[in-house]
PDB file of N, CA and C in Angstrom:
ATOM      1  N   MET A   1       5.627 -18.228  -2.434  1.00  0.00           N
ATOM      2  CA  MET A   1       6.552 -17.226  -2.870  1.00  0.00           C
ATOM      3  C   MET A   1       7.650 -17.084  -1.816  1.00  0.00           C
ATOM      4  N   ASN A   2       8.840 -16.863  -2.264  1.00  0.00           N
ATOM      5  CA  ASN A   2       9.990 -16.695  -1.385  1.00  0.00           C
ATOM      6  C   ASN A   2       9.809 -15.452  -0.514  1.00  0.00           C
ATOM      7  N   LEU A   3      10.192 -15.550   0.765  1.00  0.00           N
ATOM      8  CA  LEU A   3       9.997 -14.444   1.708  1.00  0.00           C
ATOM      9  C   LEU A   3      10.796 -13.208   1.299  1.00  0.00           C
ATOM     10  N   GLY A   4      12.006 -13.398   0.822  1.00  0.00           N
ATOM     11  CA  GLY A   4      12.815 -12.268   0.373  1.00  0.00           C
ATOM     12  C   GLY A   4      12.194 -11.553  -0.819  1.00  0.00           C
ATOM     13  N   LEU A   5      11.631 -12.320  -1.744  1.00  0.00           N
ATOM     14  CA  LEU A   5      10.972 -11.733  -2.906  1.00  0.00           C
ATOM     15  C   LEU A   5       9.716 -10.983  -2.494  1.00  0.00           C
ATOM     16  N   ARG A   6       8.959 -11.543  -1.545  1.00  0.00           N
ATOM     17  CA  ARG A   6       7.753 -10.870  -1.057  1.00  0.00           C
ATOM     18  C   ARG A   6       8.096  -9.543  -0.409  1.00  0.00           C
ATOM     19  N   ARG A   7       9.150  -9.523   0.383  1.00  0.00           N
ATOM     20  CA  ARG A   7       9.528  -8.284   1.070  1.00  0.00           C
ATOM     21  C   ARG A   7      10.064  -7.246   0.093  1.00  0.00           C
ATOM     22  N   THR A   8      10.815  -7.678  -0.902  1.00  0.00           N
ATOM     23  CA  THR A   8      11.303  -6.750  -1.913  1.00  0.00           C
ATOM     24  C   THR A   8      10.142  -6.153  -2.697  1.00  0.00           C
ATOM     25  N   LEU A   9       9.196  -6.979  -3.081  1.00  0.00           N
ATOM     26  CA  LEU A   9       8.007  -6.501  -3.784  1.00  0.00           C
ATOM     27  C   LEU A   9       7.187  -5.578  -2.889  1.00  0.00           C
ATOM     28  N   GLY A  10       7.095  -5.902  -1.610  1.00  0.00           N
ATOM     29  CA  GLY A  10       6.364  -5.063  -0.672  1.00  0.00           C
ATOM     30  C   GLY A  10       6.977  -3.688  -0.525  1.00  0.00           C
ATOM     31  N   VAL A  11       8.290  -3.620  -0.442  1.00  0.00           N
ATOM     32  CA  VAL A  11       8.966  -2.319  -0.340  1.00  0.00           C
ATOM     33  C   VAL A  11       8.760  -1.512  -1.614  1.00  0.00           C
ATOM     34  N   ALA A  12       8.796  -2.177  -2.759  1.00  0.00           N
ATOM     35  CA  ALA A  12       8.566  -1.476  -4.027  1.00  0.00           C
ATOM     36  C   ALA A  12       7.151  -0.920  -4.091  1.00  0.00           C
ATOM     37  N   VAL A  13       6.165  -1.686  -3.635  1.00  0.00           N
ATOM     38  CA  VAL A  13       4.776  -1.221  -3.648  1.00  0.00           C
ATOM     39  C   VAL A  13       4.587  -0.065  -2.673  1.00  0.00           C
ATOM     40  N   VAL A  14       5.251  -0.100  -1.517  1.00  0.00           N
ATOM     41  CA  VAL A  14       5.180   1.020  -0.572  1.00  0.00           C
ATOM     42  C   VAL A  14       5.739   2.283  -1.208  1.00  0.00           C
ATOM     43  N   LEU A  15       6.860   2.166  -1.884  1.00  0.00           N
ATOM     44  CA  LEU A  15       7.462   3.334  -2.516  1.00  0.00           C
ATOM     45  C   LEU A  15       6.576   3.908  -3.621  1.00  0.00           C
ATOM     46  N   VAL A  16       5.946   3.048  -4.398  1.00  0.00           N
ATOM     47  CA  VAL A  16       5.035   3.522  -5.445  1.00  0.00           C
ATOM     48  C   VAL A  16       3.814   4.199  -4.823  1.00  0.00           C
ATOM     49  N   GLY A  17       3.271   3.629  -3.756  1.00  0.00           N
ATOM     50  CA  GLY A  17       2.115   4.217  -3.088  1.00  0.00           C
ATOM     51  C   GLY A  17       2.434   5.571  -2.479  1.00  0.00           C
ATOM     52  N   ILE A  18       3.594   5.700  -1.848  1.00  0.00           N
ATOM     53  CA  ILE A  18       3.985   6.981  -1.259  1.00  0.00           C
ATOM     54  C   ILE A  18       4.261   8.005  -2.352  1.00  0.00           C
ATOM     55  N   THR A  19       4.885   7.579  -3.443  1.00  0.00           N
ATOM     56  CA  THR A  19       5.146   8.490  -4.554  1.00  0.00           C
ATOM     57  C   THR A  19       3.846   8.996  -5.164  1.00  0.00           C
ATOM     58  N   LEU A  20       2.880   8.117  -5.350  1.00  0.00           N
ATOM     59  CA  LEU A  20       1.581   8.514  -5.889  1.00  0.00           C
ATOM     60  C   LEU A  20       0.880   9.487  -4.952  1.00  0.00           C
ATOM     61  N   ALA A  21       0.903   9.220  -3.665  1.00  0.00           N
ATOM     62  CA  ALA A  21       0.273  10.120  -2.700  1.00  0.00           C
ATOM     63  C   ALA A  21       0.965  11.479  -2.681  1.00  0.00           C
ATOM     64  N   ALA A  22       2.281  11.497  -2.750  1.00  0.00           N
ATOM     65  CA  ALA A  22       3.015  12.766  -2.753  1.00  0.00           C
ATOM     66  C   ALA A  22       2.707  13.570  -4.012  1.00  0.00           C
ATOM     67  N   TRP A  23       2.579  12.889  -5.148  1.00  0.00           N
ATOM     68  CA  TRP A  23       2.232  13.591  -6.376  1.00  0.00           C
ATOM     69  C   TRP A  23       0.825  14.165  -6.301  1.00  0.00           C
ATOM     70  N   LEU A  24      -0.090  13.430  -5.698  1.00  0.00           N
ATOM     71  CA  LEU A  24      -1.453  13.936  -5.565  1.00  0.00           C
ATOM     72  C   LEU A  24      -1.520  15.143  -4.641  1.00  0.00           C
ATOM     73  N   VAL A  25      -0.692  15.164  -3.611  1.00  0.00           N
ATOM     74  CA  VAL A  25      -0.721  16.265  -2.651  1.00  0.00           C
ATOM     75  C   VAL A  25       0.045  17.480  -3.168  1.00  0.00           C
ATOM     76  N   PHE A  26       1.232  17.263  -3.725  1.00  0.00           N
ATOM     77  CA  PHE A  26       2.095  18.375  -4.087  1.00  0.00           C
ATOM     78  C   PHE A  26       2.157  18.659  -5.583  1.00  0.00           C
ATOM     79  N   GLY A  27       1.667  17.771  -6.422  1.00  0.00           N
ATOM     80  CA  GLY A  27       1.833  17.901  -7.862  1.00  0.00           C
ATOM     81  C   GLY A  27       0.718  18.661  -8.539  1.00  0.00           C
ATOM     82  N   SER A  28       0.630  18.469  -9.841  1.00  0.00           N
ATOM     83  CA  SER A  28      -0.337  19.196 -10.652  1.00  0.00           C
ATOM     84  C   SER A  28      -1.774  18.710 -10.454  1.00  0.00           C
ATOM     85  N   ALA A  29      -1.954  17.648  -9.705  1.00  0.00           N
ATOM     86  CA  ALA A  29      -3.309  17.147  -9.472  1.00  0.00           C
ATOM     87  C   ALA A  29      -4.131  18.086  -8.597  1.00  0.00           C
ATOM     88  N   GLN A  30      -3.499  19.047  -7.964  1.00  0.00           N
ATOM     89  CA  GLN A  30      -4.215  20.015  -7.142  1.00  0.00           C
ATOM     90  C   GLN A  30      -5.117  20.913  -7.985  1.00  0.00           C
ATOM     91  N   ASP A  31      -4.822  21.045  -9.254  1.00  0.00           N
ATOM     92  CA  ASP A  31      -5.596  21.922 -10.131  1.00  0.00           C
ATOM     93  C   ASP A  31      -6.794  21.226 -10.764  1.00  0.00           C
ATOM     94  N   TRP A  32      -6.977  19.955 -10.505  1.00  0.00           N
ATOM     95  CA  TRP A  32      -8.086  19.226 -11.104  1.00  0.00           C
ATOM     96  C   TRP A  32      -9.394  19.676 -10.485  1.00  0.00           C
ATOM     97  N   GLU A  33     -10.399  19.913 -11.327  1.00  0.00           N
ATOM     98  CA  GLU A  33     -11.710  20.335 -10.852  1.00  0.00           C
ATOM     99  C   GLU A  33     -12.781  19.494 -11.515  1.00  0.00           C
ATOM    100  N   GLY A  34     -13.976  19.535 -10.937  1.00  0.00           N
ATOM    101  CA  GLY A  34     -15.099  18.809 -11.501  1.00  0.00           C
ATOM    102  C   GLY A  34     -14.968  17.307 -11.286  1.00  0.00           C
ATOM    103  N   GLY A  35     -15.196  16.559 -12.357  1.00  0.00           N
ATOM    104  CA  GLY A  35     -15.133  15.108 -12.281  1.00  0.00           C
ATOM    105  C   GLY A  35     -13.736  14.578 -12.018  1.00  0.00           C
ATOM    106  N   MET A  36     -12.741  15.341 -12.427  1.00  0.00           N
ATOM    107  CA  MET A  36     -11.365  14.901 -12.202  1.00  0.00           C
ATOM    108  C   MET A  36     -11.003  14.940 -10.721  1.00  0.00           C
ATOM    109  N   ARG A  37     -11.704  15.754  -9.956  1.00  0.00           N
ATOM    110  CA  ARG A  37     -11.450  15.789  -8.513  1.00  0.00           C
ATOM    111  C   ARG A  37     -11.818  14.439  -7.891  1.00  0.00           C
ATOM    112  N   TRP A  38     -12.885  13.827  -8.380  1.00  0.00           N
ATOM    113  CA  TRP A  38     -13.277  12.510  -7.875  1.00  0.00           C
ATOM    114  C   TRP A  38     -12.231  11.470  -8.234  1.00  0.00           C
ATOM    115  N   LEU A  39     -11.632  11.607  -9.407  1.00  0.00           N
ATOM    116  CA  LEU A  39     -10.551  10.701  -9.788  1.00  0.00           C
ATOM    117  C   LEU A  39      -9.362  10.868  -8.851  1.00  0.00           C
ATOM    118  N   ARG A  40      -9.066  12.104  -8.482  1.00  0.00           N
ATOM    119  CA  ARG A  40      -7.959  12.353  -7.548  1.00  0.00           C
ATOM    120  C   ARG A  40      -8.229  11.697  -6.201  1.00  0.00           C
ATOM    121  N   HIS A  41      -9.462  11.783  -5.720  1.00  0.00           N
ATOM    122  CA  HIS A  41      -9.798  11.146  -4.447  1.00  0.00           C
ATOM    123  C   HIS A  41      -9.718   9.625  -4.557  1.00  0.00           C
ATOM    124  N   GLY A  42     -10.127   9.076  -5.679  1.00  0.00           N
ATOM    125  CA  GLY A  42     -10.001   7.641  -5.897  1.00  0.00           C
ATOM    126  C   GLY A  42      -8.554   7.192  -5.940  1.00  0.00           C
ATOM    127  N   LEU A  43      -7.709   7.985  -6.572  1.00  0.00           N
ATOM    128  CA  LEU A  43      -6.284   7.654  -6.601  1.00  0.00           C
ATOM    129  C   LEU A  43      -5.669   7.737  -5.214  1.00  0.00           C
ATOM    130  N   ALA A  44      -6.131   8.690  -4.407  1.00  0.00           N
ATOM    131  CA  ALA A  44      -5.620   8.801  -3.038  1.00  0.00           C
ATOM    132  C   ALA A  44      -6.016   7.573  -2.222  1.00  0.00           C
ATOM    133  N   LEU A  45      -7.245   7.128  -2.363  1.00  0.00           N
ATOM    134  CA  LEU A  45      -7.665   5.900  -1.665  1.00  0.00           C
ATOM    135  C   LEU A  45      -6.913   4.683  -2.183  1.00  0.00           C
ATOM    136  N   GLY A  46      -6.629   4.673  -3.488  1.00  0.00           N
ATOM    137  CA  GLY A  46      -5.850   3.584  -4.067  1.00  0.00           C
ATOM    138  C   GLY A  46      -4.431   3.540  -3.527  1.00  0.00           C
ATOM    139  N   SER A  47      -3.824   4.695  -3.329  1.00  0.00           N
ATOM    140  CA  SER A  47      -2.469   4.711  -2.778  1.00  0.00           C
ATOM    141  C   SER A  47      -2.474   4.244  -1.328  1.00  0.00           C
ATOM    142  N   LEU A  48      -3.511   4.575  -0.582  1.00  0.00           N
ATOM    143  CA  LEU A  48      -3.637   4.066   0.784  1.00  0.00           C
ATOM    144  C   LEU A  48      -3.801   2.547   0.786  1.00  0.00           C
ATOM    145  N   GLY A  49      -4.587   2.030  -0.157  1.00  0.00           N
ATOM    146  CA  GLY A  49      -4.745   0.585  -0.285  1.00  0.00           C
ATOM    147  C   GLY A  49      -3.455  -0.114  -0.683  1.00  0.00           C
ATOM    148  N   MET A  50      -2.655   0.546  -1.521  1.00  0.00           N
ATOM    149  CA  MET A  50      -1.380  -0.039  -1.922  1.00  0.00           C
ATOM    150  C   MET A  50      -0.441  -0.183  -0.732  1.00  0.00           C
ATOM    151  N   VAL A  51      -0.408   0.815   0.133  1.00  0.00           N
ATOM    152  CA  VAL A  51       0.459   0.744   1.300  1.00  0.00           C
ATOM    153  C   VAL A  51      -0.031  -0.346   2.258  1.00  0.00           C
ATOM    154  N   GLY A  52      -1.343  -0.471   2.411  1.00  0.00           N
ATOM    155  CA  GLY A  52      -1.888  -1.538   3.257  1.00  0.00           C
ATOM    156  C   GLY A  52      -1.604  -2.924   2.703  1.00  0.00           C
ATOM    157  N   PHE A  53      -1.694  -3.073   1.386  1.00  0.00           N
ATOM    158  CA  PHE A  53      -1.391  -4.353   0.749  1.00  0.00           C
ATOM    159  C   PHE A  53       0.090  -4.681   0.886  1.00  0.00           C
ATOM    160  N   ALA A  54       0.927  -3.662   0.789  1.00  0.00           N
ATOM    161  CA  ALA A  54       2.367  -3.884   0.908  1.00  0.00           C
ATOM    162  C   ALA A  54       2.735  -4.355   2.310  1.00  0.00           C
ATOM    163  N   ALA A  55       2.011  -3.882   3.317  1.00  0.00           N
ATOM    164  CA  ALA A  55       2.277  -4.345   4.679  1.00  0.00           C
ATOM    165  C   ALA A  55       2.003  -5.837   4.804  1.00  0.00           C
ATOM    166  N   ARG A  56       0.994  -6.322   4.098  1.00  0.00           N
ATOM    167  CA  ARG A  56       0.715  -7.766   4.106  1.00  0.00           C
ATOM    168  C   ARG A  56       1.800  -8.541   3.365  1.00  0.00           C
ATOM    169  N   LEU A  57       2.387  -7.928   2.348  1.00  0.00           N
ATOM    170  CA  LEU A  57       3.481  -8.601   1.648  1.00  0.00           C
ATOM    171  C   LEU A  57       4.739  -8.650   2.498  1.00  0.00           C
ATOM    172  N   ILE A  58       5.033  -7.558   3.181  1.00  0.00           N
ATOM    173  CA  ILE A  58       6.266  -7.489   3.964  1.00  0.00           C
ATOM    174  C   ILE A  58       6.170  -8.366   5.208  1.00  0.00           C
ATOM    175  N   PHE A  59       5.026  -8.338   5.878  1.00  0.00           N
ATOM    176  CA  PHE A  59       4.827  -9.101   7.108  1.00  0.00           C
ATOM    177  C   PHE A  59       3.709 -10.118   6.901  1.00  0.00           C
ATOM    178  N   PRO A  60       4.008 -11.279   6.305  1.00  0.00           N
ATOM    179  CA  PRO A  60       2.953 -12.264   6.035  1.00  0.00           C
ATOM    180  C   PRO A  60       2.422 -12.871   7.329  1.00  0.00           C
ATOM    181  N   ASP A  61       1.138 -13.167   7.334  1.00  0.00           N
ATOM    182  CA  ASP A  61       0.485 -13.774   8.486  1.00  0.00           C
ATOM    183  C   ASP A  61       0.655 -15.284   8.386  1.00  0.00           C
ATOM    184  N   THR A  62       1.445 -15.855   9.289  1.00  0.00           N
ATOM    185  CA  THR A  62       1.688 -17.291   9.266  1.00  0.00           C
ATOM    186  C   THR A  62       0.822 -17.975  10.306  1.00  0.00           C
ATOM    187  N   GLN A  63       0.286 -19.116   9.970  1.00  0.00           N
ATOM    188  CA  GLN A  63      -0.575 -19.862  10.873  1.00  0.00           C
ATOM    189  C   GLN A  63       0.219 -20.580  11.956  1.00  0.00           C
ATOM    190  N   SER A  64       1.477 -20.917  11.691  1.00  0.00           N
ATOM    191  CA  SER A  64       2.273 -21.644  12.681  1.00  0.00           C
ATOM    192  C   SER A  64       2.566 -20.773  13.898  1.00  0.00           C
ATOM    193  N   GLY A  65       2.751 -19.474  13.707  1.00  0.00           N
ATOM    194  CA  GLY A  65       2.996 -18.578  14.819  1.00  0.00           C
ATOM    195  C   GLY A  65       1.770 -18.398  15.695  1.00  0.00           C
ATOM    196  N   LEU A  66       0.585 -18.469  15.109  1.00  0.00           N
ATOM    197  CA  LEU A  66      -0.639 -18.291  15.874  1.00  0.00           C
ATOM    198  C   LEU A  66      -0.979 -19.533  16.693  1.00  0.00           C
ATOM    199  N   SER A  67      -0.705 -20.711  16.178  1.00  0.00           N
ATOM    200  CA  SER A  67      -1.066 -21.932  16.884  1.00  0.00           C
ATOM    201  C   SER A  67      -0.171 -22.154  18.108  1.00  0.00           C
ATOM    202  N   ASP A  68       1.066 -21.645  18.074  1.00  0.00           N
ATOM    203  CA  ASP A  68       1.956 -21.800  19.230  1.00  0.00           C
ATOM    204  C   ASP A  68       1.477 -20.987  20.432  1.00  0.00           C
ATOM    205  N   THR A  69       0.990 -19.792  20.194  1.00  0.00           N
ATOM    206  CA  THR A  69       0.545 -18.955  21.299  1.00  0.00           C
ATOM    207  C   THR A  69      -0.839 -19.341  21.795  1.00  0.00           C
ATOM    208  N   ALA A  70      -1.660 -19.941  20.937  1.00  0.00           N
ATOM    209  CA  ALA A  70      -3.009 -20.298  21.332  1.00  0.00           C
ATOM    210  C   ALA A  70      -3.008 -21.502  22.286  1.00  0.00           C
ATOM    211  N   SER A  71      -1.979 -22.330  22.250  1.00  0.00           N
ATOM    212  CA  SER A  71      -1.967 -23.518  23.092  1.00  0.00           C
ATOM    213  C   SER A  71      -1.566 -23.218  24.533  1.00  0.00           C
ATOM    214  N   ASP A  72      -1.028 -22.036  24.806  1.00  0.00           N
ATOM    215  CA  ASP A  72      -0.588 -21.700  26.159  1.00  0.00           C
ATOM    216  C   ASP A  72      -1.728 -21.406  27.080  1.00  0.00           C
TER     217      ASP A  72
END
């Protein structure tokens, strides 16, 4: 995948993850009780996972950079 496309997709995923987290904290999800509270916690963990995945998209781990430093 093209590096520019990966970074654009990564920024979009970060924005969606932050928007979801903000809605869970400040939105109507605060009124959820019972089983829906567990869904809210799952969505919060999902938004954290989305931001972590986006970091991998924005900053890909390349093997060529690691082999140069290991030879020193």
